[in-house]
All heavy atoms as atom14 arrays in JSON, in Angstrom:
{
  "sequence": "CAGHGVCAGLCPDVFTIDDDEGFARVVVDLVPPEHFVVVRQAAERCPA",
  "atom14_mask": [
    [1, 1, 1, 1, 1, 1, 0, 0, 0, 0, 0, 0, 0, 0],
    [1, 1, 1, 1, 1, 0, 0, 0, 0, 0, 0, 0, 0, 0],
    [1, 1, 1, 1, 0, 0, 0, 0, 0, 0, 0, 0, 0, 0],
    [1, 1, 1, 1, 1, 1, 1, 1, 1, 1, 0, 0, 0, 0],
    [1, 1, 1, 1, 0, 0, 0, 0, 0, 0, 0, 0, 0, 0],
    [1, 1, 1, 1, 1, 1, 1, 0, 0, 0, 0, 0, 0, 0],
    [1, 1, 1, 1, 1, 1, 0, 0, 0, 0, 0, 0, 0, 0],
    [1, 1, 1, 1, 1, 0, 0, 0, 0, 0, 0, 0, 0, 0],
    [1, 1, 1, 1, 0, 0, 0, 0, 0, 0, 0, 0, 0, 0],
    [1, 1, 1, 1, 1, 1, 1, 1, 0, 0, 0, 0, 0, 0],
    [1, 1, 1, 1, 1, 1, 0, 0, 0, 0, 0, 0, 0, 0],
    [1, 1, 1, 1, 1, 1, 1, 0, 0, 0, 0, 0, 0, 0],
    [1, 1, 1, 1, 1, 1, 1, 1, 0, 0, 0, 0, 0, 0],
    [1, 1, 1, 1, 1, 1, 1, 0, 0, 0, 0, 0, 0, 0],
    [1, 1, 1, 1, 1, 1, 1, 1, 1, 1, 1, 0, 0, 0],
    [1, 1, 1, 1, 1, 1, 1, 0, 0, 0, 0, 0, 0, 0],
    [1, 1, 1, 1, 1, 1, 1, 1, 0, 0, 0, 0, 0, 0],
    [1, 1, 1, 1, 1, 1, 1, 1, 0, 0, 0, 0, 0, 0],
    [1, 1, 1, 1, 1, 1, 1, 1, 0, 0, 0, 0, 0, 0],
    [1, 1, 1, 1, 1, 1, 1, 1, 0, 0, 0, 0, 0, 0],
    [1, 1, 1, 1, 1, 1, 1, 1, 1, 0, 0, 0, 0, 0],
    [1, 1, 1, 1, 0, 0, 0, 0, 0, 0, 0, 0, 0, 0],
    [1, 1, 1, 1, 1, 1, 1, 1, 1, 1, 1, 0, 0, 0],
    [1, 1, 1, 1, 1, 0, 0, 0, 0, 0, 0, 0, 0, 0],
    [1, 1, 1, 1, 1, 1, 1, 1, 1, 1, 1, 0, 0, 0],
    [1, 1, 1, 1, 1, 1, 1, 0, 0, 0, 0, 0, 0, 0],
    [1, 1, 1, 1, 1, 1, 1, 0, 0, 0, 0, 0, 0, 0],
    [1, 1, 1, 1, 1, 1, 1, 0, 0, 0, 0, 0, 0, 0],
    [1, 1, 1, 1, 1, 1, 1, 1, 0, 0, 0, 0, 0, 0],
    [1, 1, 1, 1, 1, 1, 1, 1, 0, 0, 0, 0, 0, 0],
    [1, 1, 1, 1, 1, 1, 1, 0, 0, 0, 0, 0, 0, 0],
    [1, 1, 1, 1, 1, 1, 1, 0, 0, 0, 0, 0, 0, 0],
    [1, 1, 1, 1, 1, 1, 1, 0, 0, 0, 0, 0, 0, 0],
    [1, 1, 1, 1, 1, 1, 1, 1, 1, 0, 0, 0, 0, 0],
    [1, 1, 1, 1, 1, 1, 1, 1, 1, 1, 0, 0, 0, 0],
    [1, 1, 1, 1, 1, 1, 1, 1, 1, 1, 1, 0, 0, 0],
    [1, 1, 1, 1, 1, 1, 1, 0, 0, 0, 0, 0, 0, 0],
    [1, 1, 1, 1, 1, 1, 1, 0, 0, 0, 0, 0, 0, 0],
    [1, 1, 1, 1, 1, 1, 1, 0, 0, 0, 0, 0, 0, 0],
    [1, 1, 1, 1, 1, 1, 1, 1, 1, 1, 1, 0, 0, 0],
    [1, 1, 1, 1, 1, 1, 1, 1, 1, 0, 0, 0, 0, 0],
    [1, 1, 1, 1, 1, 0, 0, 0, 0, 0, 0, 0, 0, 0],
    [1, 1, 1, 1, 1, 0, 0, 0, 0, 0, 0, 0, 0, 0],
    [1, 1, 1, 1, 1, 1, 1, 1, 1, 0, 0, 0, 0, 0],
    [1, 1, 1, 1, 1, 1, 1, 1, 1, 1, 1, 0, 0, 0],
    [1, 1, 1, 1, 1, 1, 0, 0, 0, 0, 0, 0, 0, 0],
    [1, 1, 1, 1, 1, 1, 1, 0, 0, 0, 0, 0, 0, 0],
    [1, 1, 1, 1, 1, 0, 0, 0, 0, 0, 0, 0, 0, 0]
  ],
  "atom14_positions": [
    [[7.38, 2.77, -15.43], [7.62, 3.02, -14.05], [6.86, 4.29, -13.61], [6.94, 5.32, -14.24], [9.09, 3.18, -13.81], [9.51, 3.48, -12.07], [0.0, 0.0, 0.0], [0.0, 0.0, 0.0], [0.0, 0.0, 0.0], [0.0, 0.0, 0.0], [0.0, 0.0, 0.0], [0.0, 0.0, 0.0], [0.0, 0.0, 0.0], [0.0, 0.0, 0.0]],
    [[6.21, 4.15, -12.46], [5.48, 5.29, -11.92], [6.1, 5.78, -10.61], [5.59, 6.61, -9.93], [4.04, 4.96, -11.67], [0.0, 0.0, 0.0], [0.0, 0.0, 0.0], [0.0, 0.0, 0.0], [0.0, 0.0, 0.0], [0.0, 0.0, 0.0], [0.0, 0.0, 0.0], [0.0, 0.0, 0.0], [0.0, 0.0, 0.0], [0.0, 0.0, 0.0]],
    [[7.26, 5.18, -10.2], [7.99, 5.64, -9.06], [7.39, 5.21, -7.68], [7.6, 5.89, -6.72], [0.0, 0.0, 0.0], [0.0, 0.0, 0.0], [0.0, 0.0, 0.0], [0.0, 0.0, 0.0], [0.0, 0.0, 0.0], [0.0, 0.0, 0.0], [0.0, 0.0, 0.0], [0.0, 0.0, 0.0], [0.0, 0.0, 0.0], [0.0, 0.0, 0.0]],
    [[6.61, 4.13, -7.69], [6.04, 3.61, -6.47], [7.09, 3.25, -5.41], [6.8, 3.39, -4.22], [5.1, 2.45, -6.71], [3.92, 2.75, -7.56], [2.8, 3.49, -7.08], [3.62, 2.5, -8.85], [1.95, 3.6, -8.02], [2.4, 3.06, -9.13], [0.0, 0.0, 0.0], [0.0, 0.0, 0.0], [0.0, 0.0, 0.0], [0.0, 0.0, 0.0]],
    [[8.24, 2.73, -5.8], [9.32, 2.46, -4.87], [9.24, 1.08, -4.25], [10.02, 0.8, -3.33], [0.0, 0.0, 0.0], [0.0, 0.0, 0.0], [0.0, 0.0, 0.0], [0.0, 0.0, 0.0], [0.0, 0.0, 0.0], [0.0, 0.0, 0.0], [0.0, 0.0, 0.0], [0.0, 0.0, 0.0], [0.0, 0.0, 0.0], [0.0, 0.0, 0.0]],
    [[8.32, 0.25, -4.68], [8.2, -1.09, -4.12], [9.53, -1.86, -4.27], [10.0, -2.52, -3.37], [6.97, -1.93, -4.73], [7.01, -3.3, -4.25], [5.72, -1.17, -4.44], [0.0, 0.0, 0.0], [0.0, 0.0, 0.0], [0.0, 0.0, 0.0], [0.0, 0.0, 0.0], [0.0, 0.0, 0.0], [0.0, 0.0, 0.0], [0.0, 0.0, 0.0]],
    [[10.09, -1.78, -5.46], [11.31, -2.54, -5.77], [12.47, -2.11, -4.89], [13.2, -2.88, -4.35], [11.67, -2.38, -7.27], [11.81, -0.65, -7.83], [0.0, 0.0, 0.0], [0.0, 0.0, 0.0], [0.0, 0.0, 0.0], [0.0, 0.0, 0.0], [0.0, 0.0, 0.0], [0.0, 0.0, 0.0], [0.0, 0.0, 0.0], [0.0, 0.0, 0.0]],
    [[12.64, -0.76, -4.76], [13.76, -0.23, -3.95], [13.5, -0.53, -2.48], [14.48, -0.77, -1.76], [13.89, 1.25, -4.14], [0.0, 0.0, 0.0], [0.0, 0.0, 0.0], [0.0, 0.0, 0.0], [0.0, 0.0, 0.0], [0.0, 0.0, 0.0], [0.0, 0.0, 0.0], [0.0, 0.0, 0.0], [0.0, 0.0, 0.0], [0.0, 0.0, 0.0]],
    [[12.27, -0.59, -2.04], [12.01, -0.98, -0.66], [12.29, -2.49, -0.37], [12.79, -2.78, 0.69], [0.0, 0.0, 0.0], [0.0, 0.0, 0.0], [0.0, 0.0, 0.0], [0.0, 0.0, 0.0], [0.0, 0.0, 0.0], [0.0, 0.0, 0.0], [0.0, 0.0, 0.0], [0.0, 0.0, 0.0], [0.0, 0.0, 0.0], [0.0, 0.0, 0.0]],
    [[12.05, -3.31, -1.44], [12.37, -4.74, -1.22], [13.8, -5.07, -1.39], [14.32, -5.95, -0.72], [11.46, -5.56, -2.21], [10.02, -5.66, -1.92], [9.31, -6.29, -3.13], [9.82, -6.55, -0.72], [0.0, 0.0, 0.0], [0.0, 0.0, 0.0], [0.0, 0.0, 0.0], [0.0, 0.0, 0.0], [0.0, 0.0, 0.0], [0.0, 0.0, 0.0]],
    [[14.47, -4.44, -2.34], [15.81, -4.77, -2.68], [16.69, -3.59, -3.05], [17.02, -3.34, -4.19], [15.81, -5.81, -3.84], [17.39, -6.63, -4.02], [0.0, 0.0, 0.0], [0.0, 0.0, 0.0], [0.0, 0.0, 0.0], [0.0, 0.0, 0.0], [0.0, 0.0, 0.0], [0.0, 0.0, 0.0], [0.0, 0.0, 0.0], [0.0, 0.0, 0.0]],
    [[17.08, -2.81, -1.99], [17.83, -1.64, -2.28], [19.27, -1.85, -2.8], [19.93, -0.96, -3.29], [17.91, -0.96, -0.88], [17.68, -2.09, 0.12], [16.76, -3.02, -0.62], [0.0, 0.0, 0.0], [0.0, 0.0, 0.0], [0.0, 0.0, 0.0], [0.0, 0.0, 0.0], [0.0, 0.0, 0.0], [0.0, 0.0, 0.0], [0.0, 0.0, 0.0]],
    [[19.76, -3.18, -2.77], [21.01, -3.52, -3.35], [20.92, -3.62, -4.84], [22.0, -3.6, -5.46], [21.58, -4.82, -2.77], [21.96, -4.75, -1.29], [22.31, -3.6, -0.84], [21.88, -5.72, -0.65], [0.0, 0.0, 0.0], [0.0, 0.0, 0.0], [0.0, 0.0, 0.0], [0.0, 0.0, 0.0], [0.0, 0.0, 0.0], [0.0, 0.0, 0.0]],
    [[19.71, -3.65, -5.41], [19.59, -3.79, -6.84], [18.81, -2.58, -7.46], [19.14, -2.22, -8.59], [18.79, -5.14, -7.19], [18.5, -5.26, -8.69], [19.63, -6.3, -6.72], [0.0, 0.0, 0.0], [0.0, 0.0, 0.0], [0.0, 0.0, 0.0], [0.0, 0.0, 0.0], [0.0, 0.0, 0.0], [0.0, 0.0, 0.0], [0.0, 0.0, 0.0]],
    [[17.88, -2.04, -6.71], [17.09, -0.9, -7.21], [17.31, 0.35, -6.34], [17.45, 0.28, -5.21], [15.62, -1.27, -7.18], [15.27, -2.49, -7.97], [15.07, -3.68, -7.34], [14.98, -2.44, -9.33], [14.7, -4.84, -8.02], [14.63, -3.58, -10.02], [14.54, -4.77, -9.42], [0.0, 0.0, 0.0], [0.0, 0.0, 0.0], [0.0, 0.0, 0.0]],
    [[17.16, 1.5, -6.99], [17.08, 2.76, -6.31], [16.06, 3.64, -6.93], [15.6, 3.31, -8.11], [18.5, 3.43, -6.33], [18.45, 4.58, -5.44], [18.86, 3.93, -7.7], [0.0, 0.0, 0.0], [0.0, 0.0, 0.0], [0.0, 0.0, 0.0], [0.0, 0.0, 0.0], [0.0, 0.0, 0.0], [0.0, 0.0, 0.0], [0.0, 0.0, 0.0]],
    [[15.63, 4.64, -6.29], [14.73, 5.6, -6.85], [15.57, 6.94, -7.21], [16.2, 7.45, -6.37], [13.57, 6.04, -5.9], [12.74, 4.77, -5.52], [12.69, 7.07, -6.54], [12.04, 4.14, -6.71], [0.0, 0.0, 0.0], [0.0, 0.0, 0.0], [0.0, 0.0, 0.0], [0.0, 0.0, 0.0], [0.0, 0.0, 0.0], [0.0, 0.0, 0.0]],
    [[15.52, 7.22, -8.52], [16.27, 8.36, -9.01], [15.8, 9.65, -8.31], [14.57, 9.93, -8.41], [16.14, 8.43, -10.53], [16.96, 9.5, -11.14], [16.53, 10.7, -11.07], [18.0, 9.21, -11.75], [0.0, 0.0, 0.0], [0.0, 0.0, 0.0], [0.0, 0.0, 0.0], [0.0, 0.0, 0.0], [0.0, 0.0, 0.0], [0.0, 0.0, 0.0]],
    [[16.65, 10.42, -7.72], [16.31, 11.63, -7.02], [15.77, 12.71, -7.94], [14.91, 13.47, -7.59], [17.51, 12.15, -6.26], [17.88, 11.41, -5.02], [16.98, 10.68, -4.47], [19.0, 11.4, -4.6], [0.0, 0.0, 0.0], [0.0, 0.0, 0.0], [0.0, 0.0, 0.0], [0.0, 0.0, 0.0], [0.0, 0.0, 0.0], [0.0, 0.0, 0.0]],
    [[16.24, 12.74, -9.12], [15.87, 13.81, -10.08], [14.53, 13.49, -10.75], [13.69, 14.36, -10.86], [16.89, 13.92, -11.22], [18.23, 14.49, -10.69], [18.21, 15.24, -9.68], [19.26, 14.16, -11.29], [0.0, 0.0, 0.0], [0.0, 0.0, 0.0], [0.0, 0.0, 0.0], [0.0, 0.0, 0.0], [0.0, 0.0, 0.0], [0.0, 0.0, 0.0]],
    [[14.31, 12.27, -11.16], [13.09, 11.96, -11.9], [12.07, 11.15, -11.06], [10.88, 11.12, -11.47], [13.45, 11.16, -13.14], [14.25, 11.92, -14.12], [14.66, 11.13, -15.4], [13.87, 10.2, -15.75], [15.64, 11.48, -15.96], [0.0, 0.0, 0.0], [0.0, 0.0, 0.0], [0.0, 0.0, 0.0], [0.0, 0.0, 0.0], [0.0, 0.0, 0.0]],
    [[12.5, 10.61, -9.97], [11.54, 9.86, -9.12], [11.18, 8.49, -9.56], [10.22, 7.91, -9.04], [0.0, 0.0, 0.0], [0.0, 0.0, 0.0], [0.0, 0.0, 0.0], [0.0, 0.0, 0.0], [0.0, 0.0, 0.0], [0.0, 0.0, 0.0], [0.0, 0.0, 0.0], [0.0, 0.0, 0.0], [0.0, 0.0, 0.0], [0.0, 0.0, 0.0]],
    [[11.93, 7.99, -10.49], [11.65, 6.62, -11.06], [12.68, 5.62, -10.61], [13.77, 5.96, -10.25], [11.49, 6.63, -12.56], [10.39, 7.56, -13.09], [10.67, 8.67, -13.83], [9.1, 7.31, -12.68], [9.72, 9.51, -14.32], [8.07, 8.15, -13.14], [8.38, 9.27, -13.95], [0.0, 0.0, 0.0], [0.0, 0.0, 0.0], [0.0, 0.0, 0.0]],
    [[12.33, 4.34, -10.7], [13.28, 3.32, -10.29], [14.37, 3.17, -11.32], [14.19, 3.29, -12.48], [12.54, 1.95, -10.15], [0.0, 0.0, 0.0], [0.0, 0.0, 0.0], [0.0, 0.0, 0.0], [0.0, 0.0, 0.0], [0.0, 0.0, 0.0], [0.0, 0.0, 0.0], [0.0, 0.0, 0.0], [0.0, 0.0, 0.0], [0.0, 0.0, 0.0]],
    [[15.53, 2.83, -10.8], [16.74, 2.5, -11.56], [17.42, 1.26, -11.04], [17.38, 1.05, -9.85], [17.74, 3.63, -11.49], [17.27, 4.98, -12.04], [17.19, 5.01, -13.54], [16.67, 6.25, -14.03], [15.45, 6.37, -14.63], [14.75, 5.38, -14.87], [15.08, 7.56, -14.98], [0.0, 0.0, 0.0], [0.0, 0.0, 0.0], [0.0, 0.0, 0.0]],
    [[17.99, 0.47, -11.89], [18.73, -0.69, -11.57], [20.17, -0.26, -11.29], [20.76, 0.43, -12.15], [18.71, -1.81, -12.64], [19.52, -3.04, -12.27], [17.25, -2.17, -12.88], [0.0, 0.0, 0.0], [0.0, 0.0, 0.0], [0.0, 0.0, 0.0], [0.0, 0.0, 0.0], [0.0, 0.0, 0.0], [0.0, 0.0, 0.0], [0.0, 0.0, 0.0]],
    [[20.74, -0.68, -10.21], [22.09, -0.25, -9.78], [23.2, -1.32, -10.0], [24.35, -1.04, -9.62], [22.13, 0.38, -8.4], [21.28, 1.61, -8.29], [21.74, -0.63, -7.37], [0.0, 0.0, 0.0], [0.0, 0.0, 0.0], [0.0, 0.0, 0.0], [0.0, 0.0, 0.0], [0.0, 0.0, 0.0], [0.0, 0.0, 0.0], [0.0, 0.0, 0.0]],
    [[22.83, -2.38, -10.57], [23.81, -3.45, -10.85], [23.72, -3.91, -12.29], [22.64, -3.81, -12.9], [23.61, -4.67, -9.94], [23.82, -4.32, -8.46], [22.25, -5.31, -10.11], [0.0, 0.0, 0.0], [0.0, 0.0, 0.0], [0.0, 0.0, 0.0], [0.0, 0.0, 0.0], [0.0, 0.0, 0.0], [0.0, 0.0, 0.0], [0.0, 0.0, 0.0]],
    [[24.78, -4.36, -12.88], [24.75, -4.93, -14.24], [24.06, -6.28, -14.23], [23.21, -6.5, -15.11], [26.15, -5.04, -14.82], [26.78, -3.64, -15.1], [25.98, -2.67, -15.43], [27.97, -3.5, -14.94], [0.0, 0.0, 0.0], [0.0, 0.0, 0.0], [0.0, 0.0, 0.0], [0.0, 0.0, 0.0], [0.0, 0.0, 0.0], [0.0, 0.0, 0.0]],
    [[24.49, -7.17, -13.32], [23.91, -8.49, -13.21], [23.52, -8.66, -11.72], [24.2, -8.28, -10.77], [24.84, -9.52, -13.56], [25.31, -9.57, -15.03], [26.37, -10.66, -15.24], [24.07, -9.96, -15.92], [0.0, 0.0, 0.0], [0.0, 0.0, 0.0], [0.0, 0.0, 0.0], [0.0, 0.0, 0.0], [0.0, 0.0, 0.0], [0.0, 0.0, 0.0]],
    [[22.29, -9.25, -11.51], [21.77, -9.44, -10.2], [22.56, -10.59, -9.57], [22.67, -11.69, -10.1], [20.25, -9.79, -10.24], [19.75, -10.13, -8.81], [19.52, -8.66, -10.85], [0.0, 0.0, 0.0], [0.0, 0.0, 0.0], [0.0, 0.0, 0.0], [0.0, 0.0, 0.0], [0.0, 0.0, 0.0], [0.0, 0.0, 0.0], [0.0, 0.0, 0.0]],
    [[23.16, -10.39, -8.34], [23.83, -11.48, -7.66], [22.82, -12.51, -7.32], [21.68, -12.26, -6.96], [24.38, -10.81, -6.42], [24.43, -9.33, -6.71], [23.29, -9.12, -7.65], [0.0, 0.0, 0.0], [0.0, 0.0, 0.0], [0.0, 0.0, 0.0], [0.0, 0.0, 0.0], [0.0, 0.0, 0.0], [0.0, 0.0, 0.0], [0.0, 0.0, 0.0]],
    [[23.21, -13.82, -7.35], [22.3, -14.96, -7.04], [21.61, -14.85, -5.73], [20.43, -15.23, -5.67], [23.24, -16.16, -7.1], [24.39, -15.79, -7.89], [24.59, -14.3, -7.68], [0.0, 0.0, 0.0], [0.0, 0.0, 0.0], [0.0, 0.0, 0.0], [0.0, 0.0, 0.0], [0.0, 0.0, 0.0], [0.0, 0.0, 0.0], [0.0, 0.0, 0.0]],
    [[22.2, -14.24, -4.71], [21.59, -14.09, -3.37], [20.34, -13.17, -3.44], [19.57, -13.13, -2.5], [22.56, -13.71, -2.31], [23.2, -12.32, -2.53], [24.53, -12.36, -3.24], [24.8, -13.36, -3.99], [25.18, -11.39, -3.16], [0.0, 0.0, 0.0], [0.0, 0.0, 0.0], [0.0, 0.0, 0.0], [0.0, 0.0, 0.0], [0.0, 0.0, 0.0]],
    [[20.2, -12.39, -4.48], [19.06, -11.46, -4.65], [18.01, -11.92, -5.63], [16.99, -11.19, -5.79], [19.6, -10.07, -5.04], [20.42, -9.43, -4.01], [20.02, -9.22, -2.7], [21.69, -8.94, -4.09], [21.02, -8.59, -2.06], [22.07, -8.42, -2.86], [0.0, 0.0, 0.0], [0.0, 0.0, 0.0], [0.0, 0.0, 0.0], [0.0, 0.0, 0.0]],
    [[18.19, -13.11, -6.22], [17.23, -13.53, -7.24], [15.82, -13.61, -6.73], [14.88, -13.09, -7.36], [17.6, -14.92, -7.79], [18.75, -14.97, -8.77], [19.52, -13.84, -9.07], [19.14, -16.17, -9.35], [20.59, -13.9, -9.96], [20.15, -16.24, -10.21], [20.94, -15.15, -10.55], [0.0, 0.0, 0.0], [0.0, 0.0, 0.0], [0.0, 0.0, 0.0]],
    [[15.61, -14.17, -5.59], [14.26, -14.35, -5.05], [13.56, -13.03, -4.84], [12.42, -12.8, -5.24], [14.31, -15.24, -3.76], [12.9, -15.23, -3.12], [14.67, -16.64, -4.11], [0.0, 0.0, 0.0], [0.0, 0.0, 0.0], [0.0, 0.0, 0.0], [0.0, 0.0, 0.0], [0.0, 0.0, 0.0], [0.0, 0.0, 0.0], [0.0, 0.0, 0.0]],
    [[14.27, -12.04, -4.19], [13.64, -10.83, -3.85], [13.43, -9.93, -5.1], [12.49, -9.22, -5.17], [14.47, -10.08, -2.76], [15.72, -9.52, -3.26], [13.61, -9.03, -2.13], [0.0, 0.0, 0.0], [0.0, 0.0, 0.0], [0.0, 0.0, 0.0], [0.0, 0.0, 0.0], [0.0, 0.0, 0.0], [0.0, 0.0, 0.0], [0.0, 0.0, 0.0]],
    [[14.28, -10.08, -6.07], [14.1, -9.38, -7.33], [12.9, -9.89, -8.09], [12.05, -9.14, -8.6], [15.38, -9.44, -8.21], [15.02, -8.93, -9.66], [16.44, -8.6, -7.63], [0.0, 0.0, 0.0], [0.0, 0.0, 0.0], [0.0, 0.0, 0.0], [0.0, 0.0, 0.0], [0.0, 0.0, 0.0], [0.0, 0.0, 0.0], [0.0, 0.0, 0.0]],
    [[12.66, -11.17, -8.03], [11.45, -11.76, -8.66], [10.22, -11.22, -7.85], [9.14, -10.88, -8.5], [11.48, -13.31, -8.57], [12.46, -13.86, -9.6], [12.31, -15.38, -9.59], [13.52, -16.0, -10.16], [13.82, -15.99, -11.44], [13.04, -15.47, -12.34], [14.91, -16.6, -11.89], [0.0, 0.0, 0.0], [0.0, 0.0, 0.0], [0.0, 0.0, 0.0]],
    [[10.29, -11.13, -6.58], [9.22, -10.59, -5.8], [8.9, -9.18, -6.14], [7.8, -8.73, -6.28], [9.5, -10.72, -4.29], [9.46, -12.1, -3.76], [9.96, -12.21, -2.27], [10.48, -11.29, -1.76], [9.72, -13.41, -1.67], [0.0, 0.0, 0.0], [0.0, 0.0, 0.0], [0.0, 0.0, 0.0], [0.0, 0.0, 0.0], [0.0, 0.0, 0.0]],
    [[9.98, -8.37, -6.3], [9.82, -6.99, -6.72], [9.12, -6.87, -8.06], [8.26, -6.06, -8.22], [11.21, -6.26, -6.75], [0.0, 0.0, 0.0], [0.0, 0.0, 0.0], [0.0, 0.0, 0.0], [0.0, 0.0, 0.0], [0.0, 0.0, 0.0], [0.0, 0.0, 0.0], [0.0, 0.0, 0.0], [0.0, 0.0, 0.0], [0.0, 0.0, 0.0]],
    [[9.48, -7.73, -9.01], [8.83, -7.68, -10.29], [7.3, -8.08, -10.18], [6.51, -7.44, -10.86], [9.53, -8.63, -11.25], [0.0, 0.0, 0.0], [0.0, 0.0, 0.0], [0.0, 0.0, 0.0], [0.0, 0.0, 0.0], [0.0, 0.0, 0.0], [0.0, 0.0, 0.0], [0.0, 0.0, 0.0], [0.0, 0.0, 0.0], [0.0, 0.0, 0.0]],
    [[7.04, -9.05, -9.38], [5.7, -9.54, -9.19], [4.85, -8.45, -8.49], [3.64, -8.27, -8.75], [5.63, -10.8, -8.39], [6.19, -11.95, -9.18], [6.42, -13.18, -8.31], [6.15, -13.18, -7.07], [6.88, -14.21, -8.86], [0.0, 0.0, 0.0], [0.0, 0.0, 0.0], [0.0, 0.0, 0.0], [0.0, 0.0, 0.0], [0.0, 0.0, 0.0]],
    [[5.45, -7.69, -7.56], [4.73, -6.76, -6.73], [4.68, -5.28, -7.35], [3.98, -4.45, -6.82], [5.29, -6.68, -5.36], [5.09, -7.93, -4.6], [5.7, -7.88, -3.24], [5.66, -9.16, -2.55], [6.17, -9.43, -1.42], [6.73, -8.44, -0.73], [6.09, -10.62, -0.84], [0.0, 0.0, 0.0], [0.0, 0.0, 0.0], [0.0, 0.0, 0.0]],
    [[5.47, -5.12, -8.41], [5.42, -3.75, -9.08], [4.08, -3.39, -9.56], [3.53, -4.08, -10.48], [6.48, -3.75, -10.22], [6.47, -2.22, -11.14], [0.0, 0.0, 0.0], [0.0, 0.0, 0.0], [0.0, 0.0, 0.0], [0.0, 0.0, 0.0], [0.0, 0.0, 0.0], [0.0, 0.0, 0.0], [0.0, 0.0, 0.0], [0.0, 0.0, 0.0]],
    [[3.46, -2.37, -9.04], [2.11, -1.95, -9.5], [2.07, -1.61, -10.98], [1.02, -1.84, -11.61], [1.81, -0.74, -8.61], [2.74, -0.8, -7.48], [3.97, -1.47, -7.95], [0.0, 0.0, 0.0], [0.0, 0.0, 0.0], [0.0, 0.0, 0.0], [0.0, 0.0, 0.0], [0.0, 0.0, 0.0], [0.0, 0.0, 0.0], [0.0, 0.0, 0.0]],
    [[3.1, -1.12, -11.51], [3.16, -0.71, -12.96], [3.63, -1.78, -13.85], [3.6, -1.61, -15.08], [3.98, 0.53, -13.08], [0.0, 0.0, 0.0], [0.0, 0.0, 0.0], [0.0, 0.0, 0.0], [0.0, 0.0, 0.0], [0.0, 0.0, 0.0], [0.0, 0.0, 0.0], [0.0, 0.0, 0.0], [0.0, 0.0, 0.0], [0.0, 0.0, 0.0]]
  ]
}
């Protein structure tokens, strides 16, 4: 992770950018089904 923030921008209910380190973090244990499509998009669009 290089902290680009694409994932948090696409799906803030699942990803956040850590204020201390500037890298993405997952904020849920399991992704709710209604977020599956956008999480897949975030993975595909992640520059790193």
